[in-house]
Amino acid sequence: MQPRNMSMSGVVDLAAVKAAQEAKAKAEQARAQAAQQGGAGAVSPADLVIDVDEAGFESDVLQRSAEVPVVLDFWAEWCQPCKQLSPLLERLAVEYNGRFLLAKIDVDANQMLMQQFGIQGIPAVFAVVAGQALPLFQGAAGEDQIRQTLDQLVQVAEERFGLTGLVVDADAEPGNRPAPAEVPAGPHDALLEAAVQALDAGDLSGAVQAYKNVLSDDPGNMEAKLGLAQAELLQRVQDADPQLVRKEAAEKPADAQAQIAAADLDLVGGHVEDAFGRLIDTVRRTAGEDRDAVRLRLLELFEVVGAEDPRVAAARRALARALF
């Protein structure tokens, strides 16, 4: 079974991880350059709120999300709740002083974007961070709730992706968008690229070895850590018979290995919460070495999905309750 034929919904995007590492370097260079040049390269507060259409989505949202979290406000002229929410988001974008960029999208003029994000009603608010789309909230929301959501977004962007936001200068000319800083190639880029190519070719053993080669020299390389976790997951399910695995798991609810195998399939199929719930239930039913094996596999799956995912945070709390 080729990895590209598997559904990886909810599993970390390795390209986004690399973009995050590059974004951190760019942000640090931009801020250092702005400090040295007395604010040169900074953006005006007026540039913190932009109108986006389908033609400009890649450059205005996807590319800029490697520099700063981009909050998407889907609205329409006829939408009364939008007329209350949009001005609040615009005010907060200025107040947060470059920690996020607000992109306003008129759904009547951009039906394709509305469909791509699966929006059923407006107002709807999403974020794009390092190329990854995250739903924030839909419908009316109070200012306190919105602030909490934005605070969490900013924290995730900084801690997980290294995005420290834009440099803002009240005296900067509107429309001044600094050119992204050039980031030199990293010492392990060739090995990481080889690992991605191996994944594309279905050579899971080759991908695993390539990621291990990076980690042997650079144990803290986040892209390699996440890539290895994903490649090993795909390797484990490559030759599995899904019907047989699920039948055995259903017949043996307390069998640690049967539940571990089924959880791997759950995750590859995009059923993240099912995978987590299955293993947490198994932790409750088992003891000793079996329980340890289940707990360790669950921690590995947390790594695949990503620590910032709210489903991981909820599952960690549930695991703690099951253990203690």
C-alpha atoms as a PDB file:
ATOM      1  CA  MET A   1       0.000   0.000   0.000  1.00  0.00           C
ATOM      2  CA  GLN A   2       1.466   3.362  -1.003  1.00  0.00           C
ATOM      3  CA  PRO A   3       1.473   6.090   1.657  1.00  0.00           C
ATOM      4  CA  ARG A   4       0.049   8.674  -0.715  1.00  0.00           C
ATOM      5  CA  ASN A   5      -3.063   6.506  -1.126  1.00  0.00           C
ATOM      6  CA  MET A   6      -3.732   6.615   2.598  1.00  0.00           C
ATOM      7  CA  SER A   7      -5.819   9.279   4.254  1.00  0.00           C
ATOM      8  CA  MET A   8      -3.618  11.301   6.590  1.00  0.00           C
ATOM      9  CA  SER A   9      -6.319  13.740   7.714  1.00  0.00           C
ATOM     10  CA  GLY A  10      -5.390  15.122  11.100  1.00  0.00           C
ATOM     11  CA  VAL A  11      -1.767  13.983  10.814  1.00  0.00           C
ATOM     12  CA  VAL A  12       1.010  16.563  10.796  1.00  0.00           C
ATOM     13  CA  ASP A  13       1.980  18.205   7.491  1.00  0.00           C
ATOM     14  CA  LEU A  14       5.772  17.845   7.178  1.00  0.00           C
ATOM     15  CA  ALA A  15       6.009  20.615   4.595  1.00  0.00           C
ATOM     16  CA  ALA A  16       4.373  22.938   7.103  1.00  0.00           C
ATOM     17  CA  VAL A  17       6.900  21.940   9.759  1.00  0.00           C
ATOM     18  CA  LYS A  18       9.739  22.885   7.433  1.00  0.00           C
ATOM     19  CA  ALA A  19       7.966  26.160   6.622  1.00  0.00           C
ATOM     20  CA  ALA A  20       7.713  26.782  10.353  1.00  0.00           C
ATOM     21  CA  GLN A  21      11.438  26.378  10.852  1.00  0.00           C
ATOM     22  CA  GLU A  22      12.125  28.753   7.979  1.00  0.00           C
ATOM     23  CA  ALA A  23       9.526  31.182   9.312  1.00  0.00           C
ATOM     24  CA  LYS A  24      11.256  31.381  12.663  1.00  0.00           C
ATOM     25  CA  ALA A  25      14.522  32.341  11.013  1.00  0.00           C
ATOM     26  CA  LYS A  26      12.758  34.876   8.810  1.00  0.00           C
ATOM     27  CA  ALA A  27      10.943  36.447  11.743  1.00  0.00           C
ATOM     28  CA  GLU A  28      14.119  36.754  13.776  1.00  0.00           C
ATOM     29  CA  GLN A  29      16.005  38.276  10.852  1.00  0.00           C
ATOM     30  CA  ALA A  30      13.192  40.726  10.061  1.00  0.00           C
ATOM     31  CA  ARG A  31      12.937  41.916  13.653  1.00  0.00           C
ATOM     32  CA  ALA A  32      16.711  42.268  13.967  1.00  0.00           C
ATOM     33  CA  GLN A  33      16.855  44.188  10.702  1.00  0.00           C
ATOM     34  CA  ALA A  34      14.000  46.471  11.758  1.00  0.00           C
ATOM     35  CA  ALA A  35      15.733  47.217  15.054  1.00  0.00           C
ATOM     36  CA  GLN A  36      19.025  48.021  13.308  1.00  0.00           C
ATOM     37  CA  GLN A  37      17.388  50.262  10.716  1.00  0.00           C
ATOM     38  CA  GLY A  38      15.075  52.114  13.061  1.00  0.00           C
ATOM     39  CA  GLY A  39      11.874  50.472  11.924  1.00  0.00           C
ATOM     40  CA  ALA A  40      12.745  49.941   8.262  1.00  0.00           C
ATOM     41  CA  GLY A  41      10.841  46.967   6.860  1.00  0.00           C
ATOM     42  CA  ALA A  42       7.998  47.378   9.348  1.00  0.00           C
ATOM     43  CA  VAL A  43       4.361  47.446   8.259  1.00  0.00           C
ATOM     44  CA  SER A  44       1.762  50.103   8.949  1.00  0.00           C
ATOM     45  CA  PRO A  45      -1.155  49.319  11.316  1.00  0.00           C
ATOM     46  CA  ALA A  46      -3.369  49.824   8.250  1.00  0.00           C
ATOM     47  CA  ASP A  47      -1.753  46.753   6.655  1.00  0.00           C
ATOM     48  CA  LEU A  48      -2.852  44.442   9.476  1.00  0.00           C
ATOM     49  CA  VAL A  49      -6.323  44.120   7.873  1.00  0.00           C
ATOM     50  CA  ILE A  50      -6.529  43.122   4.213  1.00  0.00           C
ATOM     51  CA  ASP A  51      -9.200  42.080   1.728  1.00  0.00           C
ATOM     52  CA  VAL A  52      -8.458  38.761   0.038  1.00  0.00           C
ATOM     53  CA  ASP A  53      -9.940  37.086  -3.027  1.00  0.00           C
ATOM     54  CA  GLU A  54      -9.382  33.759  -4.744  1.00  0.00           C
ATOM     55  CA  ALA A  55      -6.735  35.138  -7.087  1.00  0.00           C
ATOM     56  CA  GLY A  56      -4.617  36.507  -4.250  1.00  0.00           C
ATOM     57  CA  PHE A  57      -5.204  33.753  -1.710  1.00  0.00           C
ATOM     58  CA  GLU A  58      -1.885  31.989  -2.256  1.00  0.00           C
ATOM     59  CA  SER A  59       0.287  35.108  -1.977  1.00  0.00           C
ATOM     60  CA  ASP A  60      -1.787  37.014   0.581  1.00  0.00           C
ATOM     61  CA  VAL A  61      -2.651  34.088   2.875  1.00  0.00           C
ATOM     62  CA  LEU A  62      -0.645  30.923   2.250  1.00  0.00           C
ATOM     63  CA  GLN A  63       2.716  32.600   1.696  1.00  0.00           C
ATOM     64  CA  ARG A  64       2.220  35.148   4.462  1.00  0.00           C
ATOM     65  CA  SER A  65       1.205  32.426   6.904  1.00  0.00           C
ATOM     66  CA  ALA A  66       4.887  31.458   6.977  1.00  0.00           C
ATOM     67  CA  GLU A  67       5.560  34.890   8.528  1.00  0.00           C
ATOM     68  CA  VAL A  68       2.516  35.502  10.712  1.00  0.00           C
ATOM     69  CA  PRO A  69      -0.743  33.713  11.653  1.00  0.00           C
ATOM     70  CA  VAL A  70      -3.446  34.771   9.196  1.00  0.00           C
ATOM     71  CA  VAL A  71      -6.989  34.943  10.588  1.00  0.00           C
ATOM     72  CA  LEU A  72      -9.679  34.516   7.904  1.00  0.00           C
ATOM     73  CA  ASP A  73     -12.969  36.379   8.400  1.00  0.00           C
ATOM     74  CA  PHE A  74     -15.594  34.964   6.024  1.00  0.00           C
ATOM     75  CA  TRP A  75     -18.374  37.556   5.731  1.00  0.00           C
ATOM     76  CA  ALA A  76     -21.049  38.992   3.445  1.00  0.00           C
ATOM     77  CA  GLU A  77     -22.762  42.360   3.156  1.00  0.00           C
ATOM     78  CA  TRP A  78     -26.192  40.867   3.968  1.00  0.00           C
ATOM     79  CA  CYS A  79     -24.939  39.074   7.105  1.00  0.00           C
ATOM     80  CA  GLN A  80     -26.021  41.046  10.177  1.00  0.00           C
ATOM     81  CA  PRO A  81     -23.822  39.150  12.721  1.00  0.00           C
ATOM     82  CA  CYS A  82     -20.861  39.807  10.401  1.00  0.00           C
ATOM     83  CA  LYS A  83     -21.412  43.533  10.794  1.00  0.00           C
ATOM     84  CA  GLN A  84     -20.813  43.141  14.522  1.00  0.00           C
ATOM     85  CA  LEU A  85     -17.973  40.625  14.375  1.00  0.00           C
ATOM     86  CA  SER A  86     -15.853  42.113  11.567  1.00  0.00           C
ATOM     87  CA  PRO A  87     -15.220  45.505  13.204  1.00  0.00           C
ATOM     88  CA  LEU A  88     -14.277  43.728  16.446  1.00  0.00           C
ATOM     89  CA  LEU A  89     -11.741  41.534  14.632  1.00  0.00           C
ATOM     90  CA  GLU A  90     -10.339  44.580  12.840  1.00  0.00           C
ATOM     91  CA  ARG A  91      -9.881  46.399  16.148  1.00  0.00           C
ATOM     92  CA  LEU A  92      -8.209  43.371  17.730  1.00  0.00           C
ATOM     93  CA  ALA A  93      -5.866  42.960  14.753  1.00  0.00           C
ATOM     94  CA  VAL A  94      -4.516  46.463  15.420  1.00  0.00           C
ATOM     95  CA  GLU A  95      -4.474  45.928  19.189  1.00  0.00           C
ATOM     96  CA  TYR A  96      -2.457  42.703  18.868  1.00  0.00           C
ATOM     97  CA  ASN A  97       0.123  44.779  17.022  1.00  0.00           C
ATOM     98  CA  GLY A  98       1.253  42.348  14.336  1.00  0.00           C
ATOM     99  CA  ARG A  99       0.791  39.086  16.227  1.00  0.00           C
ATOM    100  CA  PHE A 100      -1.740  38.095  13.565  1.00  0.00           C
ATOM    101  CA  LEU A 101      -2.929  39.366  10.193  1.00  0.00           C
ATOM    102  CA  LEU A 102      -6.668  39.646   9.479  1.00  0.00           C
ATOM    103  CA  ALA A 103      -7.784  38.626   5.976  1.00  0.00           C
ATOM    104  CA  LYS A 104     -11.403  39.454   5.098  1.00  0.00           C
ATOM    105  CA  ILE A 105     -13.104  37.250   2.493  1.00  0.00           C
ATOM    106  CA  ASP A 106     -16.454  38.192   0.939  1.00  0.00           C
ATOM    107  CA  VAL A 107     -18.153  34.818   0.413  1.00  0.00           C
ATOM    108  CA  ASP A 108     -20.488  36.140  -2.292  1.00  0.00           C
ATOM    109  CA  ALA A 109     -17.494  37.037  -4.441  1.00  0.00           C
ATOM    110  CA  ASN A 110     -15.389  34.023  -3.468  1.00  0.00           C
ATOM    111  CA  GLN A 111     -17.639  30.974  -3.512  1.00  0.00           C
ATOM    112  CA  MET A 112     -14.757  28.593  -4.271  1.00  0.00           C
ATOM    113  CA  LEU A 113     -12.894  29.542  -1.100  1.00  0.00           C
ATOM    114  CA  MET A 114     -16.077  29.086   0.890  1.00  0.00           C
ATOM    115  CA  GLN A 115     -16.460  25.571  -0.531  1.00  0.00           C
ATOM    116  CA  GLN A 116     -12.808  24.680   0.007  1.00  0.00           C
ATOM    117  CA  PHE A 117     -13.096  25.514   3.706  1.00  0.00           C
ATOM    118  CA  GLY A 118     -16.395  23.612   3.995  1.00  0.00           C
ATOM    119  CA  ILE A 119     -18.262  26.630   5.350  1.00  0.00           C
ATOM    120  CA  GLN A 120     -21.987  26.087   5.865  1.00  0.00           C
ATOM    121  CA  GLY A 121     -22.821  29.448   7.428  1.00  0.00           C
ATOM    122  CA  ILE A 122     -21.305  32.814   8.270  1.00  0.00           C
ATOM    123  CA  PRO A 123     -19.716  34.484  10.039  1.00  0.00           C
ATOM    124  CA  ALA A 124     -16.998  31.850  10.091  1.00  0.00           C
ATOM    125  CA  VAL A 125     -13.444  32.417  11.286  1.00  0.00           C
ATOM    126  CA  PHE A 126     -10.423  30.266  10.439  1.00  0.00           C
ATOM    127  CA  ALA A 127      -6.682  30.673  10.807  1.00  0.00           C
ATOM    128  CA  VAL A 128      -3.856  29.621   8.532  1.00  0.00           C
ATOM    129  CA  VAL A 129      -0.508  28.987  10.246  1.00  0.00           C
ATOM    130  CA  ALA A 130       2.509  27.881   8.205  1.00  0.00           C
ATOM    131  CA  GLY A 131       0.165  26.689   5.488  1.00  0.00           C
ATOM    132  CA  GLN A 132      -2.150  24.744   7.816  1.00  0.00           C
ATOM    133  CA  ALA A 133      -5.817  25.717   8.137  1.00  0.00           C
ATOM    134  CA  LEU A 134      -7.319  25.702  11.636  1.00  0.00           C
ATOM    135  CA  PRO A 135     -11.011  26.332  12.409  1.00  0.00           C
ATOM    136  CA  LEU A 136     -11.433  28.947  15.155  1.00  0.00           C
ATOM    137  CA  PHE A 137     -15.165  29.570  15.574  1.00  0.00           C
ATOM    138  CA  GLN A 138     -18.398  29.990  13.644  1.00  0.00           C
ATOM    139  CA  GLY A 139     -21.339  32.261  14.363  1.00  0.00           C
ATOM    140  CA  ALA A 140     -21.609  34.935  17.000  1.00  0.00           C
ATOM    141  CA  ALA A 141     -18.958  35.015  19.722  1.00  0.00           C
ATOM    142  CA  GLY A 142     -18.257  37.333  22.613  1.00  0.00           C
ATOM    143  CA  GLU A 143     -15.121  39.459  22.820  1.00  0.00           C
ATOM    144  CA  ASP A 144     -13.736  37.508  25.784  1.00  0.00           C
ATOM    145  CA  GLN A 145     -14.092  34.211  23.899  1.00  0.00           C
ATOM    146  CA  ILE A 146     -12.500  35.705  20.798  1.00  0.00           C
ATOM    147  CA  ARG A 147      -9.571  37.065  22.813  1.00  0.00           C
ATOM    148  CA  GLN A 148      -8.998  33.663  24.410  1.00  0.00           C
ATOM    149  CA  THR A 149      -9.041  32.014  20.988  1.00  0.00           C
ATOM    150  CA  LEU A 150      -6.603  34.557  19.543  1.00  0.00           C
ATOM    151  CA  ASP A 151      -4.303  34.217  22.557  1.00  0.00           C
ATOM    152  CA  GLN A 152      -4.192  30.446  22.011  1.00  0.00           C
ATOM    153  CA  LEU A 153      -3.544  30.946  18.292  1.00  0.00           C
ATOM    154  CA  VAL A 154      -0.658  33.338  18.970  1.00  0.00           C
ATOM    155  CA  GLN A 155       0.806  30.956  21.556  1.00  0.00           C
ATOM    156  CA  VAL A 156       0.642  27.967  19.199  1.00  0.00           C
ATOM    157  CA  ALA A 157       2.142  30.012  16.350  1.00  0.00           C
ATOM    158  CA  GLU A 158       5.064  31.091  18.515  1.00  0.00           C
ATOM    159  CA  GLU A 159       5.744  27.845  20.382  1.00  0.00           C
ATOM    160  CA  ARG A 160       5.026  25.345  17.627  1.00  0.00           C
ATOM    161  CA  PHE A 161       5.913  27.244  14.466  1.00  0.00           C
ATOM    162  CA  GLY A 162       8.291  29.979  15.631  1.00  0.00           C
ATOM    163  CA  LEU A 163       6.104  32.763  14.203  1.00  0.00           C
ATOM    164  CA  THR A 164       6.649  35.919  16.231  1.00  0.00           C
ATOM    165  CA  GLY A 165       4.498  38.120  13.995  1.00  0.00           C
ATOM    166  CA  LEU A 166       5.092  41.280  12.003  1.00  0.00           C
ATOM    167  CA  VAL A 167       7.034  44.372  13.033  1.00  0.00           C
ATOM    168  CA  VAL A 168       4.553  47.281  13.161  1.00  0.00           C
ATOM    169  CA  ASP A 169       5.482  50.966  12.954  1.00  0.00           C
ATOM    170  CA  ALA A 170       2.824  53.674  13.154  1.00  0.00           C
ATOM    171  CA  ASP A 171       4.960  55.862  10.884  1.00  0.00           C
ATOM    172  CA  ALA A 172       5.428  53.228   8.187  1.00  0.00           C
ATOM    173  CA  GLU A 173       3.904  53.858   4.783  1.00  0.00           C
ATOM    174  CA  PRO A 174       0.753  51.783   4.174  1.00  0.00           C
ATOM    175  CA  GLY A 175       1.261  49.090   1.571  1.00  0.00           C
ATOM    176  CA  ASN A 176       4.869  48.471   2.554  1.00  0.00           C
ATOM    177  CA  ARG A 177       5.303  44.711   2.693  1.00  0.00           C
ATOM    178  CA  PRO A 178       8.893  43.737   3.496  1.00  0.00           C
ATOM    179  CA  ALA A 179      10.485  41.125   1.282  1.00  0.00           C
ATOM    180  CA  PRO A 180      11.031  37.835   3.092  1.00  0.00           C
ATOM    181  CA  ALA A 181      14.579  37.288   4.257  1.00  0.00           C
ATOM    182  CA  GLU A 182      16.618  34.668   2.458  1.00  0.00           C
ATOM    183  CA  VAL A 183      17.199  31.613   4.639  1.00  0.00           C
ATOM    184  CA  PRO A 184      20.304  29.557   3.907  1.00  0.00           C
ATOM    185  CA  ALA A 185      19.871  25.860   3.297  1.00  0.00           C
ATOM    186  CA  GLY A 186      20.194  23.801   6.442  1.00  0.00           C
ATOM    187  CA  PRO A 187      22.873  21.144   6.850  1.00  0.00           C
ATOM    188  CA  HIS A 188      20.302  18.323   6.699  1.00  0.00           C
ATOM    189  CA  ASP A 189      18.070  19.604   3.874  1.00  0.00           C
ATOM    190  CA  ALA A 190      19.369  17.022   1.388  1.00  0.00           C
ATOM    191  CA  LEU A 191      18.664  14.139   3.775  1.00  0.00           C
ATOM    192  CA  LEU A 192      15.228  15.490   4.638  1.00  0.00           C
ATOM    193  CA  GLU A 193      14.406  15.892   0.952  1.00  0.00           C
ATOM    194  CA  ALA A 194      15.551  12.314   0.368  1.00  0.00           C
ATOM    195  CA  ALA A 195      13.193  11.148   3.110  1.00  0.00           C
ATOM    196  CA  VAL A 196      10.243  12.970   1.517  1.00  0.00           C
ATOM    197  CA  GLN A 197      11.094  11.492  -1.890  1.00  0.00           C
ATOM    198  CA  ALA A 198      11.238   8.032  -0.328  1.00  0.00           C
ATOM    199  CA  LEU A 199       7.778   8.569   1.170  1.00  0.00           C
ATOM    200  CA  ASP A 200       6.445   9.676  -2.226  1.00  0.00           C
ATOM    201  CA  ALA A 201       7.898   6.543  -3.806  1.00  0.00           C
ATOM    202  CA  GLY A 202       6.407   4.271  -1.129  1.00  0.00           C
ATOM    203  CA  ASP A 203       9.880   3.372   0.188  1.00  0.00           C
ATOM    204  CA  LEU A 204       8.959   3.544   3.861  1.00  0.00           C
ATOM    205  CA  SER A 205      12.116   1.774   5.038  1.00  0.00           C
ATOM    206  CA  GLY A 206      14.216   4.278   3.141  1.00  0.00           C
ATOM    207  CA  ALA A 207      12.274   7.189   4.627  1.00  0.00           C
ATOM    208  CA  VAL A 208      12.652   5.812   8.149  1.00  0.00           C
ATOM    209  CA  GLN A 209      16.405   5.385   7.686  1.00  0.00           C
ATOM    210  CA  ALA A 210      16.812   8.872   6.197  1.00  0.00           C
ATOM    211  CA  TYR A 211      15.048  10.478   9.151  1.00  0.00           C
ATOM    212  CA  LYS A 212      17.121   8.396  11.580  1.00  0.00           C
ATOM    213  CA  ASN A 213      20.284   9.575   9.827  1.00  0.00           C
ATOM    214  CA  VAL A 214      19.289  13.194  10.458  1.00  0.00           C
ATOM    215  CA  LEU A 215      18.423  12.517  14.099  1.00  0.00           C
ATOM    216  CA  SER A 216      21.696  10.712  14.738  1.00  0.00           C
ATOM    217  CA  ASP A 217      23.487  13.980  13.972  1.00  0.00           C
ATOM    218  CA  ASP A 218      20.785  16.425  15.128  1.00  0.00           C
ATOM    219  CA  PRO A 219      18.572  14.790  17.818  1.00  0.00           C
ATOM    220  CA  GLY A 220      16.450  17.932  18.210  1.00  0.00           C
ATOM    221  CA  ASN A 221      15.465  18.281  14.537  1.00  0.00           C
ATOM    222  CA  MET A 222      11.685  18.663  14.721  1.00  0.00           C
ATOM    223  CA  GLU A 223      11.010  17.915  11.060  1.00  0.00           C
ATOM    224  CA  ALA A 224      12.943  14.653  11.307  1.00  0.00           C
ATOM    225  CA  LYS A 225      11.210  13.657  14.553  1.00  0.00           C
ATOM    226  CA  LEU A 226       7.755  14.188  13.107  1.00  0.00           C
ATOM    227  CA  GLY A 227       8.709  12.624   9.797  1.00  0.00           C
ATOM    228  CA  LEU A 228      10.054   9.525  11.512  1.00  0.00           C
ATOM    229  CA  ALA A 229       6.885   9.145  13.589  1.00  0.00           C
ATOM    230  CA  GLN A 230       4.726   9.407  10.470  1.00  0.00           C
ATOM    231  CA  ALA A 231       6.888   7.067   8.388  1.00  0.00           C
ATOM    232  CA  GLU A 232       6.973   4.438  11.136  1.00  0.00           C
ATOM    233  CA  LEU A 233       3.194   4.649  11.485  1.00  0.00           C
ATOM    234  CA  LEU A 234       2.721   4.078   7.763  1.00  0.00           C
ATOM    235  CA  GLN A 235       5.253   1.248   7.863  1.00  0.00           C
ATOM    236  CA  ARG A 236       3.337  -0.506  10.652  1.00  0.00           C
ATOM    237  CA  VAL A 237       0.048  -0.514   8.732  1.00  0.00           C
ATOM    238  CA  GLN A 238       1.513  -1.086   5.266  1.00  0.00           C
ATOM    239  CA  ASP A 239       0.800  -4.820   5.123  1.00  0.00           C
ATOM    240  CA  ALA A 240      -2.089  -4.926   7.598  1.00  0.00           C
ATOM    241  CA  ASP A 241      -5.427  -6.483   6.675  1.00  0.00           C
ATOM    242  CA  PRO A 242      -7.889  -3.862   7.989  1.00  0.00           C
ATOM    243  CA  GLN A 243     -10.797  -6.304   8.269  1.00  0.00           C
ATOM    244  CA  LEU A 244      -8.753  -8.821  10.208  1.00  0.00           C
ATOM    245  CA  VAL A 245      -7.227  -6.178  12.488  1.00  0.00           C
ATOM    246  CA  ARG A 246     -10.600  -4.686  13.361  1.00  0.00           C
ATOM    247  CA  LYS A 247     -12.209  -8.091  13.844  1.00  0.00           C
ATOM    248  CA  GLU A 248      -9.497  -9.104  16.290  1.00  0.00           C
ATOM    249  CA  ALA A 249      -9.752  -5.786  18.142  1.00  0.00           C
ATOM    250  CA  ALA A 250     -13.530  -6.193  18.479  1.00  0.00           C
ATOM    251  CA  GLU A 251     -13.193  -9.746  19.791  1.00  0.00           C
ATOM    252  CA  LYS A 252     -10.332  -8.946  22.210  1.00  0.00           C
ATOM    253  CA  PRO A 253     -11.020  -5.580  23.871  1.00  0.00           C
ATOM    254  CA  ALA A 254      -8.354  -6.176  26.553  1.00  0.00           C
ATOM    255  CA  ASP A 255      -5.661  -7.413  24.152  1.00  0.00           C
ATOM    256  CA  ALA A 256      -3.021  -4.668  24.078  1.00  0.00           C
ATOM    257  CA  GLN A 257      -1.468  -5.569  20.724  1.00  0.00           C
ATOM    258  CA  ALA A 258      -4.840  -5.973  19.000  1.00  0.00           C
ATOM    259  CA  GLN A 259      -5.939  -2.530  20.183  1.00  0.00           C
ATOM    260  CA  ILE A 260      -2.596  -0.935  19.286  1.00  0.00           C
ATOM    261  CA  ALA A 261      -2.848  -2.291  15.729  1.00  0.00           C
ATOM    262  CA  ALA A 262      -6.414  -1.014  15.376  1.00  0.00           C
ATOM    263  CA  ALA A 263      -5.448   2.404  16.749  1.00  0.00           C
ATOM    264  CA  ASP A 264      -2.745   2.734  14.096  1.00  0.00           C
ATOM    265  CA  LEU A 265      -5.352   2.079  11.411  1.00  0.00           C
ATOM    266  CA  ASP A 266      -7.714   4.570  13.041  1.00  0.00           C
ATOM    267  CA  LEU A 267      -5.099   7.297  12.903  1.00  0.00           C
ATOM    268  CA  VAL A 268      -4.023   6.637   9.321  1.00  0.00           C
ATOM    269  CA  GLY A 269      -7.699   6.772   8.363  1.00  0.00           C
ATOM    270  CA  GLY A 270      -8.004  10.211   9.940  1.00  0.00           C
ATOM    271  CA  HIS A 271     -10.039   9.018  12.964  1.00  0.00           C
ATOM    272  CA  VAL A 272      -7.811  10.719  15.507  1.00  0.00           C
ATOM    273  CA  GLU A 273     -10.201  10.748  18.438  1.00  0.00           C
ATOM    274  CA  ASP A 274     -11.139   7.104  17.845  1.00  0.00           C
ATOM    275  CA  ALA A 275      -7.462   6.104  17.950  1.00  0.00           C
ATOM    276  CA  PHE A 276      -6.844   8.030  21.158  1.00  0.00           C
ATOM    277  CA  GLY A 277     -10.045   6.796  22.819  1.00  0.00           C
ATOM    278  CA  ARG A 278      -9.332   3.181  21.917  1.00  0.00           C
ATOM    279  CA  LEU A 279      -5.906   3.251  23.567  1.00  0.00           C
ATOM    280  CA  ILE A 280      -7.074   5.146  26.641  1.00  0.00           C
ATOM    281  CA  ASP A 281      -9.821   2.563  27.152  1.00  0.00           C
ATOM    282  CA  THR A 282      -7.195  -0.166  26.780  1.00  0.00           C
ATOM    283  CA  VAL A 283      -5.006   1.497  29.406  1.00  0.00           C
ATOM    284  CA  ARG A 284      -7.929   1.174  31.818  1.00  0.00           C
ATOM    285  CA  ARG A 285      -8.320  -2.539  31.012  1.00  0.00           C
ATOM    286  CA  THR A 286      -4.662  -3.576  31.188  1.00  0.00           C
ATOM    287  CA  ALA A 287      -1.772  -3.612  33.646  1.00  0.00           C
ATOM    288  CA  GLY A 288       1.981  -4.135  33.761  1.00  0.00           C
ATOM    289  CA  GLU A 289       3.892  -4.469  30.499  1.00  0.00           C
ATOM    290  CA  ASP A 290       0.731  -4.446  28.386  1.00  0.00           C
ATOM    291  CA  ARG A 291      -0.369  -1.153  29.891  1.00  0.00           C
ATOM    292  CA  ASP A 292       3.094   0.340  29.348  1.00  0.00           C
ATOM    293  CA  ALA A 293       3.069  -0.757  25.700  1.00  0.00           C
ATOM    294  CA  VAL A 294      -0.305   0.888  25.110  1.00  0.00           C
ATOM    295  CA  ARG A 295       0.735   4.084  26.883  1.00  0.00           C
ATOM    296  CA  LEU A 296       3.936   4.362  24.858  1.00  0.00           C
ATOM    297  CA  ARG A 297       2.112   3.846  21.550  1.00  0.00           C
ATOM    298  CA  LEU A 298      -0.387   6.520  22.555  1.00  0.00           C
ATOM    299  CA  LEU A 299       2.477   8.954  23.235  1.00  0.00           C
ATOM    300  CA  GLU A 300       3.914   8.136  19.794  1.00  0.00           C
ATOM    301  CA  LEU A 301       0.573   8.933  18.167  1.00  0.00           C
ATOM    302  CA  PHE A 302       0.477  12.233  20.063  1.00  0.00           C
ATOM    303  CA  GLU A 303       3.777  13.084  18.358  1.00  0.00           C
ATOM    304  CA  VAL A 304       2.346  12.258  14.934  1.00  0.00           C
ATOM    305  CA  VAL A 305      -0.677  14.524  15.382  1.00  0.00           C
ATOM    306  CA  GLY A 306       1.204  17.365  17.100  1.00  0.00           C
ATOM    307  CA  ALA A 307       1.227  18.720  20.622  1.00  0.00           C
ATOM    308  CA  GLU A 308      -0.709  21.855  19.688  1.00  0.00           C
ATOM    309  CA  ASP A 309      -3.761  19.902  18.473  1.00  0.00           C
ATOM    310  CA  PRO A 310      -6.627  20.279  20.978  1.00  0.00           C
ATOM    311  CA  ARG A 311      -7.455  16.582  20.595  1.00  0.00           C
ATOM    312  CA  VAL A 312      -3.997  15.756  21.928  1.00  0.00           C
ATOM    313  CA  ALA A 313      -4.455  18.016  24.943  1.00  0.00           C
ATOM    314  CA  ALA A 314      -7.822  16.404  25.728  1.00  0.00           C
ATOM    315  CA  ALA A 315      -6.407  12.899  25.304  1.00  0.00           C
ATOM    316  CA  ARG A 316      -3.472  13.674  27.598  1.00  0.00           C
ATOM    317  CA  ARG A 317      -5.914  14.660  30.350  1.00  0.00           C
ATOM    318  CA  ALA A 318      -7.956  11.512  29.758  1.00  0.00           C
ATOM    319  CA  LEU A 319      -4.793   9.389  29.871  1.00  0.00           C
ATOM    320  CA  ALA A 320      -3.789  10.948  33.184  1.00  0.00           C
ATOM    321  CA  ARG A 321      -7.205  10.088  34.637  1.00  0.00           C
ATOM    322  CA  ALA A 322      -6.940   6.522  33.335  1.00  0.00           C
ATOM    323  CA  LEU A 323      -3.483   6.049  34.848  1.00  0.00           C
ATOM    324  CA  PHE A 324      -4.110   7.650  38.222  1.00  0.00           C
END
